[in-house]
Amino acid sequence: MIKKNLNLFIIASTLAIATGSACAATPGLWDGVAAMPPQSIQLQDEALEQSTFEYISLSPVYFDSNRATLTHAGQQALDAASDYLQKHDSIKRILIEGHTDAKGGIAFNDNLSDRRALVVRNYLTIKGVDPELINMIGMGEHQPVDQNWTREGRQRNRHVSIYAVHWNR
């Protein structure tokens, strides 16, 4: 039971951070004051025992340096993601995280990662994915998946991650 409560807490925290209103101005994120997420998940213990959450990481979408435009390969990855997301009714949330390399200033990269996440969200919405399921956040250069001192590492850091959250009851 403790493990399930912990899993629910982790998911609720992730969803709170990934919502559009989760920013530095939101009480509780940066100032140490407790705050409830705008869309909190509240389940009774019986429902919690019968429910499981599963995160599925879909193929990342890579971008050119200092760009928030989709490449042909990016469009193909999003077409496959769109097909997957529309086939599964158990998906209750889609998390989109925009990332950048460390080239450029922090403010520029934060804005660029937001724009990349928005481009992916818009593409998925045009392809028929329910926009109400999508939460997005720009991570800027703050969570690299690889080193930033090599060209290959920077290239891997210029991406958008897409996660499907399945809720199985």
C-alpha atoms as a PDB file:
ATOM      1  CA  MET A   1       0.000   0.000   0.000  1.00  0.00           C
ATOM      2  CA  ILE A   2       2.837   2.404   0.784  1.00  0.00           C
ATOM      3  CA  LYS A   3       4.446   1.659  -2.583  1.00  0.00           C
ATOM      4  CA  LYS A   4       1.184   2.433  -4.408  1.00  0.00           C
ATOM      5  CA  ASN A   5       0.785   5.692  -2.481  1.00  0.00           C
ATOM      6  CA  LEU A   6       4.370   6.597  -3.335  1.00  0.00           C
ATOM      7  CA  ASN A   7       3.767   5.794  -7.015  1.00  0.00           C
ATOM      8  CA  LEU A   8       0.641   7.961  -7.016  1.00  0.00           C
ATOM      9  CA  PHE A   9       2.568  10.791  -5.344  1.00  0.00           C
ATOM     10  CA  ILE A  10       5.337  10.586  -7.955  1.00  0.00           C
ATOM     11  CA  ILE A  11       2.821  10.619 -10.809  1.00  0.00           C
ATOM     12  CA  ALA A  12       0.807  13.460  -9.302  1.00  0.00           C
ATOM     13  CA  SER A  13       4.019  15.439  -8.795  1.00  0.00           C
ATOM     14  CA  THR A  14       5.089  14.817 -12.379  1.00  0.00           C
ATOM     15  CA  LEU A  15       1.686  15.859 -13.674  1.00  0.00           C
ATOM     16  CA  ALA A  16       1.753  18.994 -11.546  1.00  0.00           C
ATOM     17  CA  ILE A  17       5.141  19.993 -12.888  1.00  0.00           C
ATOM     18  CA  ALA A  18       4.132  19.178 -16.463  1.00  0.00           C
ATOM     19  CA  THR A  19       0.956  21.283 -16.460  1.00  0.00           C
ATOM     20  CA  GLY A  20       1.113  24.588 -18.208  1.00  0.00           C
ATOM     21  CA  SER A  21       0.562  26.488 -14.969  1.00  0.00           C
ATOM     22  CA  ALA A  22       3.540  24.893 -13.252  1.00  0.00           C
ATOM     23  CA  CYS A  23       6.044  27.685 -13.385  1.00  0.00           C
ATOM     24  CA  ALA A  24       8.229  29.654 -11.035  1.00  0.00           C
ATOM     25  CA  ALA A  25       5.235  31.824 -10.081  1.00  0.00           C
ATOM     26  CA  THR A  26       3.306  28.812  -8.784  1.00  0.00           C
ATOM     27  CA  PRO A  27       3.404  28.646  -4.970  1.00  0.00           C
ATOM     28  CA  GLY A  28       5.131  25.554  -3.674  1.00  0.00           C
ATOM     29  CA  LEU A  29       7.406  24.802  -6.582  1.00  0.00           C
ATOM     30  CA  TRP A  30      10.320  26.993  -5.613  1.00  0.00           C
ATOM     31  CA  ASP A  31       9.463  28.766  -2.375  1.00  0.00           C
ATOM     32  CA  GLY A  32       9.037  25.784  -0.043  1.00  0.00           C
ATOM     33  CA  VAL A  33       5.327  26.520   0.550  1.00  0.00           C
ATOM     34  CA  ALA A  34       3.006  23.557   0.116  1.00  0.00           C
ATOM     35  CA  ALA A  35       0.715  23.803  -2.891  1.00  0.00           C
ATOM     36  CA  MET A  36      -1.775  21.503  -4.561  1.00  0.00           C
ATOM     37  CA  PRO A  37      -1.403  20.868  -8.284  1.00  0.00           C
ATOM     38  CA  PRO A  38      -4.128  22.461 -10.406  1.00  0.00           C
ATOM     39  CA  GLN A  39      -5.335  19.025 -11.475  1.00  0.00           C
ATOM     40  CA  SER A  40      -4.761  16.707  -8.555  1.00  0.00           C
ATOM     41  CA  ILE A  41      -5.504  13.011  -8.693  1.00  0.00           C
ATOM     42  CA  GLN A  42      -7.609  11.851  -5.798  1.00  0.00           C
ATOM     43  CA  LEU A  43      -8.462   8.170  -5.521  1.00  0.00           C
ATOM     44  CA  GLN A  44      -9.984   6.149  -2.747  1.00  0.00           C
ATOM     45  CA  ASP A  45      -7.815   3.373  -1.292  1.00  0.00           C
ATOM     46  CA  GLU A  46      -9.937   0.699  -3.040  1.00  0.00           C
ATOM     47  CA  ALA A  47      -9.473   2.391  -6.406  1.00  0.00           C
ATOM     48  CA  LEU A  48      -5.776   2.795  -5.716  1.00  0.00           C
ATOM     49  CA  GLU A  49      -5.366  -0.930  -5.084  1.00  0.00           C
ATOM     50  CA  GLN A  50      -6.988  -1.720  -8.442  1.00  0.00           C
ATOM     51  CA  SER A  51      -5.255   1.004 -10.474  1.00  0.00           C
ATOM     52  CA  THR A  52      -1.820   1.037 -11.995  1.00  0.00           C
ATOM     53  CA  PHE A  53       0.033   3.710 -13.899  1.00  0.00           C
ATOM     54  CA  GLU A  54       2.541   3.045 -16.611  1.00  0.00           C
ATOM     55  CA  TYR A  55       4.782   5.533 -18.376  1.00  0.00           C
ATOM     56  CA  ILE A  56       5.617   4.741 -21.987  1.00  0.00           C
ATOM     57  CA  SER A  57       8.423   6.772 -23.523  1.00  0.00           C
ATOM     58  CA  LEU A  58       7.821   7.347 -27.209  1.00  0.00           C
ATOM     59  CA  SER A  59      10.558   8.084 -29.743  1.00  0.00           C
ATOM     60  CA  PRO A  60      12.151  11.479 -29.120  1.00  0.00           C
ATOM     61  CA  VAL A  61      11.819  14.218 -31.724  1.00  0.00           C
ATOM     62  CA  TYR A  62      15.160  15.809 -32.598  1.00  0.00           C
ATOM     63  CA  PHE A  63      15.672  19.401 -33.720  1.00  0.00           C
ATOM     64  CA  ASP A  64      18.368  21.376 -35.520  1.00  0.00           C
ATOM     65  CA  SER A  65      20.451  23.805 -33.491  1.00  0.00           C
ATOM     66  CA  ASN A  66      18.584  26.983 -32.447  1.00  0.00           C
ATOM     67  CA  ARG A  67      15.453  25.830 -34.326  1.00  0.00           C
ATOM     68  CA  ALA A  68      11.936  24.901 -33.299  1.00  0.00           C
ATOM     69  CA  THR A  69      10.875  23.605 -36.712  1.00  0.00           C
ATOM     70  CA  LEU A  70      10.202  19.956 -37.393  1.00  0.00           C
ATOM     71  CA  THR A  71      12.492  17.992 -39.658  1.00  0.00           C
ATOM     72  CA  HIS A  72      11.162  15.256 -41.935  1.00  0.00           C
ATOM     73  CA  ALA A  73      12.417  12.645 -39.463  1.00  0.00           C
ATOM     74  CA  GLY A  74      10.665  14.547 -36.668  1.00  0.00           C
ATOM     75  CA  GLN A  75       7.380  14.500 -38.568  1.00  0.00           C
ATOM     76  CA  GLN A  76       7.726  10.747 -39.099  1.00  0.00           C
ATOM     77  CA  ALA A  77       8.374  10.208 -35.387  1.00  0.00           C
ATOM     78  CA  LEU A  78       5.320  12.315 -34.516  1.00  0.00           C
ATOM     79  CA  ASP A  79       3.139  10.462 -37.023  1.00  0.00           C
ATOM     80  CA  ALA A  80       4.073   7.193 -35.303  1.00  0.00           C
ATOM     81  CA  ALA A  81       3.486   8.764 -31.874  1.00  0.00           C
ATOM     82  CA  SER A  82       0.096  10.084 -32.987  1.00  0.00           C
ATOM     83  CA  ASP A  83      -0.953   6.636 -34.200  1.00  0.00           C
ATOM     84  CA  TYR A  84       0.088   5.088 -30.890  1.00  0.00           C
ATOM     85  CA  LEU A  85      -1.603   7.753 -28.767  1.00  0.00           C
ATOM     86  CA  GLN A  86      -4.908   7.463 -30.622  1.00  0.00           C
ATOM     87  CA  LYS A  87      -4.999   3.644 -30.473  1.00  0.00           C
ATOM     88  CA  HIS A  88      -4.881   3.376 -26.687  1.00  0.00           C
ATOM     89  CA  ASP A  89      -7.914   4.453 -24.658  1.00  0.00           C
ATOM     90  CA  SER A  90      -6.042   3.816 -21.411  1.00  0.00           C
ATOM     91  CA  ILE A  91      -3.867   6.901 -21.989  1.00  0.00           C
ATOM     92  CA  LYS A  92      -5.012   9.541 -19.536  1.00  0.00           C
ATOM     93  CA  ARG A  93      -2.160  12.019 -19.876  1.00  0.00           C
ATOM     94  CA  ILE A  94       0.533  12.864 -22.415  1.00  0.00           C
ATOM     95  CA  LEU A  95       3.647  14.598 -21.151  1.00  0.00           C
ATOM     96  CA  ILE A  96       5.771  16.617 -23.579  1.00  0.00           C
ATOM     97  CA  GLU A  97       9.186  17.878 -22.452  1.00  0.00           C
ATOM     98  CA  GLY A  98      11.190  20.270 -24.624  1.00  0.00           C
ATOM     99  CA  HIS A  99      14.986  20.261 -24.267  1.00  0.00           C
ATOM    100  CA  THR A 100      17.954  22.172 -25.689  1.00  0.00           C
ATOM    101  CA  ASP A 101      21.707  21.916 -25.723  1.00  0.00           C
ATOM    102  CA  ALA A 102      23.817  24.357 -23.702  1.00  0.00           C
ATOM    103  CA  LYS A 103      24.669  26.658 -26.613  1.00  0.00           C
ATOM    104  CA  GLY A 104      23.167  30.111 -26.158  1.00  0.00           C
ATOM    105  CA  GLY A 105      21.918  31.837 -23.040  1.00  0.00           C
ATOM    106  CA  ILE A 106      19.718  30.248 -20.410  1.00  0.00           C
ATOM    107  CA  ALA A 107      16.723  32.504 -21.144  1.00  0.00           C
ATOM    108  CA  PHE A 108      17.021  31.822 -24.885  1.00  0.00           C
ATOM    109  CA  ASN A 109      17.211  28.059 -24.304  1.00  0.00           C
ATOM    110  CA  ASP A 110      14.259  28.099 -21.901  1.00  0.00           C
ATOM    111  CA  ASN A 111      12.180  29.897 -24.534  1.00  0.00           C
ATOM    112  CA  LEU A 112      13.428  27.588 -27.306  1.00  0.00           C
ATOM    113  CA  SER A 113      12.500  24.466 -25.344  1.00  0.00           C
ATOM    114  CA  ASP A 114       9.005  25.905 -24.745  1.00  0.00           C
ATOM    115  CA  ARG A 115       8.619  26.561 -28.479  1.00  0.00           C
ATOM    116  CA  ARG A 116       9.792  23.045 -29.357  1.00  0.00           C
ATOM    117  CA  ALA A 117       7.286  21.515 -26.947  1.00  0.00           C
ATOM    118  CA  LEU A 118       4.544  23.718 -28.421  1.00  0.00           C
ATOM    119  CA  VAL A 119       5.411  22.665 -31.988  1.00  0.00           C
ATOM    120  CA  VAL A 120       5.136  19.000 -30.980  1.00  0.00           C
ATOM    121  CA  ARG A 121       1.859  19.623 -29.139  1.00  0.00           C
ATOM    122  CA  ASN A 122       0.380  21.454 -32.126  1.00  0.00           C
ATOM    123  CA  TYR A 123       1.449  18.740 -34.559  1.00  0.00           C
ATOM    124  CA  LEU A 124      -0.090  15.993 -32.408  1.00  0.00           C
ATOM    125  CA  THR A 125      -3.292  18.018 -32.019  1.00  0.00           C
ATOM    126  CA  ILE A 126      -3.567  18.529 -35.782  1.00  0.00           C
ATOM    127  CA  LYS A 127      -3.122  14.761 -36.211  1.00  0.00           C
ATOM    128  CA  GLY A 128      -6.124  14.142 -33.922  1.00  0.00           C
ATOM    129  CA  VAL A 129      -4.652  13.688 -30.443  1.00  0.00           C
ATOM    130  CA  ASP A 130      -6.924  15.140 -27.760  1.00  0.00           C
ATOM    131  CA  PRO A 131      -5.302  18.408 -26.585  1.00  0.00           C
ATOM    132  CA  GLU A 132      -6.938  18.021 -23.154  1.00  0.00           C
ATOM    133  CA  LEU A 133      -4.620  15.063 -22.479  1.00  0.00           C
ATOM    134  CA  ILE A 134      -1.450  16.989 -23.239  1.00  0.00           C
ATOM    135  CA  ASN A 135       0.739  18.685 -20.646  1.00  0.00           C
ATOM    136  CA  MET A 136       3.948  20.287 -21.795  1.00  0.00           C
ATOM    137  CA  ILE A 137       6.962  21.892 -20.244  1.00  0.00           C
ATOM    138  CA  GLY A 138      10.182  23.393 -21.512  1.00  0.00           C
ATOM    139  CA  MET A 139      13.220  22.133 -19.633  1.00  0.00           C
ATOM    140  CA  GLY A 140      15.742  24.323 -21.444  1.00  0.00           C
ATOM    141  CA  GLU A 141      19.290  23.084 -21.007  1.00  0.00           C
ATOM    142  CA  HIS A 142      18.669  22.004 -17.404  1.00  0.00           C
ATOM    143  CA  GLN A 143      18.188  18.239 -17.894  1.00  0.00           C
ATOM    144  CA  PRO A 144      20.588  17.071 -20.594  1.00  0.00           C
ATOM    145  CA  VAL A 145      20.490  13.450 -21.685  1.00  0.00           C
ATOM    146  CA  ASP A 146      24.104  13.627 -22.847  1.00  0.00           C
ATOM    147  CA  GLN A 147      27.221  15.752 -22.501  1.00  0.00           C
ATOM    148  CA  ASN A 148      27.206  19.213 -24.024  1.00  0.00           C
ATOM    149  CA  TRP A 149      30.907  19.498 -24.894  1.00  0.00           C
ATOM    150  CA  THR A 150      30.704  17.268 -28.002  1.00  0.00           C
ATOM    151  CA  ARG A 151      28.717  17.874 -31.169  1.00  0.00           C
ATOM    152  CA  GLU A 152      27.038  14.455 -30.878  1.00  0.00           C
ATOM    153  CA  GLY A 153      26.065  15.088 -27.247  1.00  0.00           C
ATOM    154  CA  ARG A 154      24.577  18.487 -28.059  1.00  0.00           C
ATOM    155  CA  GLN A 155      22.654  16.937 -30.947  1.00  0.00           C
ATOM    156  CA  ARG A 156      21.063  14.347 -28.606  1.00  0.00           C
ATOM    157  CA  ASN A 157      20.149  17.110 -26.140  1.00  0.00           C
ATOM    158  CA  ARG A 158      18.154  19.044 -28.777  1.00  0.00           C
ATOM    159  CA  HIS A 159      14.965  17.027 -28.519  1.00  0.00           C
ATOM    160  CA  VAL A 160      11.434  16.753 -27.252  1.00  0.00           C
ATOM    161  CA  SER A 161      10.493  13.748 -25.125  1.00  0.00           C
ATOM    162  CA  ILE A 162       6.957  12.377 -25.256  1.00  0.00           C
ATOM    163  CA  TYR A 163       5.543  10.180 -22.504  1.00  0.00           C
ATOM    164  CA  ALA A 164       2.190   8.412 -22.578  1.00  0.00           C
ATOM    165  CA  VAL A 165       0.713   7.807 -19.122  1.00  0.00           C
ATOM    166  CA  HIS A 166      -1.507   4.744 -19.117  1.00  0.00           C
ATOM    167  CA  TRP A 167      -3.973   4.388 -16.293  1.00  0.00           C
ATOM    168  CA  ASN A 168      -5.135   0.799 -16.016  1.00  0.00           C
ATOM    169  CA  ARG A 169      -8.057   0.081 -13.743  1.00  0.00           C
END
